[in-house]
């Protein structure tokens, strides 16, 4: 006995009814504090990395060390990108989570 195509498509599109819910597990506030602290630690580390990279860039420029200058530039760009990623992490996750919840 063959199942009609429309019934197979309906079975594929079954909604299990699962959605994110805050407060379902104990320790959620502790986990949020840990993640916030990790993010702050990362931002502080990026500030240090940026300062060191800019110093290497300036030192390489003034001493004629072209490789040191190039490495300082690369470090500054990477640190700036890391700062952008750390600062935008919450918004990026919220954006894609919202986008994913629109899929039906």
N, C-alpha and C. Protein backbone atom coordinates (compact mmCIF):
# COMPACT_ATOMS: atom_id res chain seq x y z
N UNK A 1 0.84 -1.17 0.00
CA UNK A 1 0.00 0.00 0.00
C UNK A 1 0.89 1.24 0.00
N UNK A 2 0.71 2.08 -0.96
CA UNK A 2 1.53 3.27 -1.14
C UNK A 2 0.93 4.46 -0.41
N UNK A 3 1.83 5.25 0.23
CA UNK A 3 1.39 6.46 0.93
C UNK A 3 1.44 7.62 -0.07
N UNK A 4 0.36 8.40 -0.18
CA UNK A 4 0.35 9.52 -1.13
C UNK A 4 1.47 10.52 -0.82
N UNK A 5 1.93 11.20 -1.86
CA UNK A 5 3.02 12.17 -1.73
C UNK A 5 2.67 13.28 -0.76
N UNK A 6 1.44 13.77 -0.77
CA UNK A 6 1.04 14.86 0.12
C UNK A 6 1.18 14.44 1.59
N UNK A 7 0.83 13.18 1.90
CA UNK A 7 0.98 12.71 3.29
C UNK A 7 2.45 12.61 3.69
N UNK A 8 3.32 12.21 2.77
CA UNK A 8 4.75 12.13 3.06
C UNK A 8 5.33 13.52 3.32
N UNK A 9 4.90 14.52 2.56
CA UNK A 9 5.38 15.89 2.75
C UNK A 9 4.91 16.44 4.09
N UNK A 10 3.67 16.14 4.47
CA UNK A 10 3.16 16.60 5.76
C UNK A 10 3.97 15.97 6.89
N UNK A 11 4.34 14.72 6.78
CA UNK A 11 5.15 14.06 7.80
C UNK A 11 6.54 14.69 7.89
N UNK A 12 7.09 15.11 6.77
CA UNK A 12 8.40 15.76 6.78
C UNK A 12 8.34 17.12 7.45
N UNK A 13 7.21 17.79 7.36
CA UNK A 13 7.08 19.14 7.90
C UNK A 13 6.49 19.15 9.31
N UNK A 14 6.56 18.04 10.00
CA UNK A 14 6.00 17.95 11.36
C UNK A 14 6.75 18.89 12.30
N UNK A 15 6.00 19.66 13.05
CA UNK A 15 6.57 20.60 14.02
C UNK A 15 6.60 19.93 15.39
N UNK A 16 7.80 19.69 15.95
CA UNK A 16 7.86 19.04 17.26
C UNK A 16 7.47 19.98 18.40
N UNK A 17 7.36 21.29 18.15
CA UNK A 17 6.92 22.24 19.17
C UNK A 17 8.00 22.60 20.19
N UNK A 18 9.24 22.55 19.79
CA UNK A 18 10.35 22.87 20.70
C UNK A 18 10.85 24.28 20.41
N UNK A 19 11.00 25.09 21.46
CA UNK A 19 11.54 26.43 21.31
C UNK A 19 12.37 26.76 22.54
N UNK A 20 13.35 27.68 22.43
CA UNK A 20 14.17 28.04 23.58
C UNK A 20 13.34 28.67 24.69
N UNK A 21 13.64 28.29 25.91
CA UNK A 21 12.91 28.82 27.05
C UNK A 21 13.90 29.10 28.18
N UNK A 22 13.91 30.32 28.66
CA UNK A 22 14.78 30.67 29.78
C UNK A 22 14.23 30.15 31.09
N UNK A 23 15.11 29.79 32.00
CA UNK A 23 14.69 29.36 33.32
C UNK A 23 14.32 27.89 33.40
N UNK A 24 14.55 27.13 32.36
CA UNK A 24 14.19 25.72 32.38
C UNK A 24 15.17 24.87 33.17
N UNK A 25 16.42 25.27 33.23
CA UNK A 25 17.44 24.52 33.95
C UNK A 25 18.05 25.40 35.04
N UNK A 26 18.44 24.77 36.14
CA UNK A 26 19.10 25.56 37.19
C UNK A 26 20.49 25.98 36.74
N UNK A 27 20.94 27.11 37.22
CA UNK A 27 22.28 27.57 36.90
C UNK A 27 22.39 28.43 35.67
N UNK A 28 21.27 28.82 35.09
CA UNK A 28 21.31 29.64 33.88
C UNK A 28 21.94 31.00 34.16
N UNK A 29 21.63 31.60 35.28
CA UNK A 29 22.23 32.90 35.60
C UNK A 29 23.73 32.78 35.84
N UNK A 30 24.16 31.67 36.42
CA UNK A 30 25.60 31.45 36.62
C UNK A 30 26.30 31.29 35.28
N UNK A 31 25.68 30.54 34.37
CA UNK A 31 26.26 30.35 33.04
C UNK A 31 26.36 31.68 32.29
N UNK A 32 25.33 32.52 32.41
CA UNK A 32 25.38 33.84 31.76
C UNK A 32 26.50 34.68 32.34
N UNK A 33 26.69 34.64 33.66
CA UNK A 33 27.79 35.40 34.27
C UNK A 33 29.15 34.89 33.82
N UNK A 34 29.29 33.57 33.67
CA UNK A 34 30.57 33.00 33.21
C UNK A 34 30.86 33.45 31.79
N UNK A 35 29.86 33.38 30.91
CA UNK A 35 30.06 33.78 29.52
C UNK A 35 30.36 35.27 29.43
N UNK A 36 29.66 36.09 30.22
CA UNK A 36 29.94 37.53 30.23
C UNK A 36 31.37 37.80 30.69
N UNK A 37 31.83 37.06 31.68
CA UNK A 37 33.19 37.24 32.18
C UNK A 37 34.23 36.82 31.14
N UNK A 38 33.95 35.71 30.43
CA UNK A 38 34.86 35.27 29.37
C UNK A 38 34.93 36.32 28.27
N UNK A 39 33.79 36.90 27.91
CA UNK A 39 33.75 37.93 26.88
C UNK A 39 34.56 39.16 27.33
N UNK A 40 34.39 39.58 28.58
CA UNK A 40 35.14 40.72 29.08
C UNK A 40 36.64 40.42 29.10
N UNK A 41 37.01 39.21 29.52
CA UNK A 41 38.42 38.83 29.52
C UNK A 41 38.98 38.88 28.10
N UNK A 42 38.20 38.40 27.13
CA UNK A 42 38.64 38.44 25.74
C UNK A 42 38.82 39.86 25.23
N UNK A 43 37.92 40.76 25.60
CA UNK A 43 38.04 42.16 25.17
C UNK A 43 39.29 42.80 25.78
N UNK A 44 39.55 42.52 27.05
CA UNK A 44 40.75 43.06 27.69
C UNK A 44 42.01 42.51 27.04
N UNK A 45 42.00 41.22 26.70
CA UNK A 45 43.15 40.62 26.02
C UNK A 45 43.36 41.24 24.64
N UNK A 46 42.27 41.55 23.95
CA UNK A 46 42.37 42.17 22.62
C UNK A 46 42.97 43.58 22.73
N UNK A 47 42.61 44.31 23.77
CA UNK A 47 43.20 45.64 23.97
C UNK A 47 44.71 45.52 24.13
N UNK A 48 45.15 44.54 24.93
CA UNK A 48 46.59 44.32 25.09
C UNK A 48 47.25 43.91 23.79
N UNK A 49 46.61 43.00 23.05
CA UNK A 49 47.17 42.55 21.77
C UNK A 49 47.26 43.70 20.78
N UNK A 50 46.26 44.56 20.78
CA UNK A 50 46.28 45.70 19.87
C UNK A 50 47.40 46.67 20.23
N UNK A 51 47.59 46.90 21.52
CA UNK A 51 48.66 47.80 21.96
C UNK A 51 50.03 47.24 21.57
N UNK A 52 50.24 45.95 21.78
CA UNK A 52 51.51 45.33 21.41
C UNK A 52 51.71 45.37 19.91
N UNK A 53 50.67 45.06 19.14
CA UNK A 53 50.79 45.07 17.68
C UNK A 53 51.10 46.45 17.14
N UNK A 54 50.46 47.46 17.70
CA UNK A 54 50.74 48.83 17.25
C UNK A 54 52.16 49.24 17.62
N UNK A 55 52.63 48.79 18.79
CA UNK A 55 54.02 49.06 19.17
C UNK A 55 55.01 48.39 18.23
N UNK A 56 54.74 47.13 17.85
CA UNK A 56 55.61 46.42 16.92
C UNK A 56 55.58 47.09 15.55
N UNK A 57 54.43 47.54 15.14
CA UNK A 57 54.29 48.23 13.87
C UNK A 57 55.14 49.50 13.87
N UNK A 58 55.01 50.30 14.92
CA UNK A 58 55.78 51.55 15.00
C UNK A 58 57.28 51.28 15.09
N UNK A 59 57.66 50.28 15.91
CA UNK A 59 59.08 49.95 16.05
C UNK A 59 59.65 49.47 14.72
N UNK A 60 58.90 48.63 14.01
CA UNK A 60 59.36 48.14 12.70
C UNK A 60 59.48 49.26 11.69
N UNK A 61 58.57 50.20 11.74
CA UNK A 61 58.61 51.32 10.80
C UNK A 61 59.83 52.22 11.06
N UNK A 62 60.08 52.51 12.32
CA UNK A 62 61.16 53.45 12.64
C UNK A 62 62.55 52.83 12.57
N UNK A 63 62.64 51.51 12.67
CA UNK A 63 63.96 50.87 12.59
C UNK A 63 64.23 50.27 11.21
N UNK A 64 63.27 50.35 10.33
CA UNK A 64 63.46 49.80 8.99
C UNK A 64 63.23 48.30 8.93
N UNK A 65 62.67 47.72 9.96
CA UNK A 65 62.36 46.28 9.96
C UNK A 65 61.04 46.03 9.27
N UNK A 66 61.12 45.72 8.00
CA UNK A 66 59.90 45.60 7.20
C UNK A 66 59.04 44.41 7.64
N UNK A 67 59.69 43.32 8.06
CA UNK A 67 58.90 42.17 8.50
C UNK A 67 58.20 42.46 9.83
N UNK A 68 58.88 43.14 10.72
CA UNK A 68 58.26 43.51 11.99
C UNK A 68 57.10 44.48 11.75
N UNK A 69 57.29 45.39 10.82
CA UNK A 69 56.21 46.33 10.49
C UNK A 69 55.00 45.59 9.92
N UNK A 70 55.25 44.64 9.02
CA UNK A 70 54.15 43.87 8.43
C UNK A 70 53.45 43.02 9.48
N UNK A 71 54.23 42.43 10.40
CA UNK A 71 53.62 41.62 11.45
C UNK A 71 52.80 42.49 12.40
N UNK A 72 53.27 43.69 12.67
CA UNK A 72 52.50 44.61 13.50
C UNK A 72 51.19 45.00 12.85
N UNK A 73 51.23 45.23 11.55
CA UNK A 73 49.99 45.56 10.82
C UNK A 73 49.02 44.39 10.87
N UNK A 74 49.54 43.17 10.63
CA UNK A 74 48.67 41.99 10.67
C UNK A 74 48.07 41.81 12.06
N UNK A 75 48.88 41.99 13.08
CA UNK A 75 48.39 41.85 14.44
C UNK A 75 47.32 42.87 14.77
N UNK A 76 47.50 44.11 14.28
CA UNK A 76 46.50 45.15 14.54
C UNK A 76 45.18 44.82 13.84
N UNK A 77 45.25 44.30 12.63
CA UNK A 77 44.03 43.95 11.91
C UNK A 77 43.32 42.76 12.59
N UNK A 78 44.10 41.77 13.01
CA UNK A 78 43.52 40.61 13.69
C UNK A 78 42.89 41.04 15.01
N UNK A 79 43.56 41.90 15.77
CA UNK A 79 43.01 42.37 17.04
C UNK A 79 41.74 43.17 16.82
N UNK A 80 41.72 44.00 15.78
CA UNK A 80 40.51 44.76 15.48
C UNK A 80 39.36 43.83 15.09
N UNK A 81 39.67 42.81 14.30
CA UNK A 81 38.64 41.83 13.93
C UNK A 81 38.13 41.05 15.13
N UNK A 82 39.03 40.69 16.04
CA UNK A 82 38.61 39.99 17.25
C UNK A 82 37.73 40.87 18.13
N UNK A 83 38.08 42.16 18.22
CA UNK A 83 37.25 43.09 19.00
C UNK A 83 35.86 43.21 18.37
N UNK A 84 35.82 43.27 17.05
CA UNK A 84 34.54 43.33 16.35
C UNK A 84 33.71 42.08 16.63
N UNK A 85 34.34 40.92 16.55
CA UNK A 85 33.63 39.67 16.80
C UNK A 85 33.14 39.55 18.23
N UNK A 86 33.98 39.92 19.19
CA UNK A 86 33.58 39.84 20.59
C UNK A 86 32.45 40.81 20.91
N UNK A 87 32.53 42.01 20.36
CA UNK A 87 31.49 42.99 20.62
C UNK A 87 30.18 42.66 19.95
N UNK A 88 30.25 42.01 18.80
CA UNK A 88 29.03 41.71 18.03
C UNK A 88 28.51 40.30 18.26
N UNK A 89 29.15 39.52 19.13
CA UNK A 89 28.77 38.12 19.30
C UNK A 89 27.31 37.96 19.68
N UNK A 90 26.84 38.72 20.64
CA UNK A 90 25.46 38.60 21.08
C UNK A 90 24.49 38.96 19.96
N UNK A 91 24.79 40.02 19.24
CA UNK A 91 23.92 40.42 18.13
C UNK A 91 23.92 39.43 16.98
N UNK A 92 25.09 38.84 16.69
CA UNK A 92 25.18 37.85 15.62
C UNK A 92 24.35 36.61 15.96
N UNK A 93 24.50 36.14 17.20
CA UNK A 93 23.73 34.96 17.62
C UNK A 93 22.24 35.28 17.63
N UNK A 94 21.86 36.45 18.12
CA UNK A 94 20.44 36.83 18.14
C UNK A 94 19.88 36.94 16.72
N UNK A 95 20.68 37.49 15.80
CA UNK A 95 20.23 37.62 14.42
C UNK A 95 19.95 36.26 13.79
N UNK A 96 20.94 35.35 13.90
CA UNK A 96 20.76 34.05 13.27
C UNK A 96 19.74 33.18 14.00
N UNK A 97 19.59 33.36 15.30
CA UNK A 97 18.55 32.65 16.03
C UNK A 97 17.17 33.12 15.58
N UNK A 98 17.01 34.42 15.41
CA UNK A 98 15.75 34.95 14.89
C UNK A 98 15.48 34.50 13.47
N UNK A 99 16.54 34.45 12.67
CA UNK A 99 16.40 34.00 11.29
C UNK A 99 16.02 32.52 11.26
N UNK A 100 16.62 31.74 12.14
CA UNK A 100 16.30 30.33 12.19
C UNK A 100 14.89 30.06 12.68
N UNK A 101 14.37 30.91 13.57
CA UNK A 101 13.02 30.70 14.07
C UNK A 101 11.96 31.04 13.03
N UNK A 102 12.35 31.72 11.96
CA UNK A 102 11.41 32.05 10.89
C UNK A 102 11.26 30.93 9.88
N UNK A 103 12.12 29.94 9.96
CA UNK A 103 12.04 28.81 9.01
C UNK A 103 10.87 27.92 9.41
N UNK A 104 9.99 27.67 8.47
CA UNK A 104 8.81 26.81 8.76
C UNK A 104 8.74 25.71 7.76
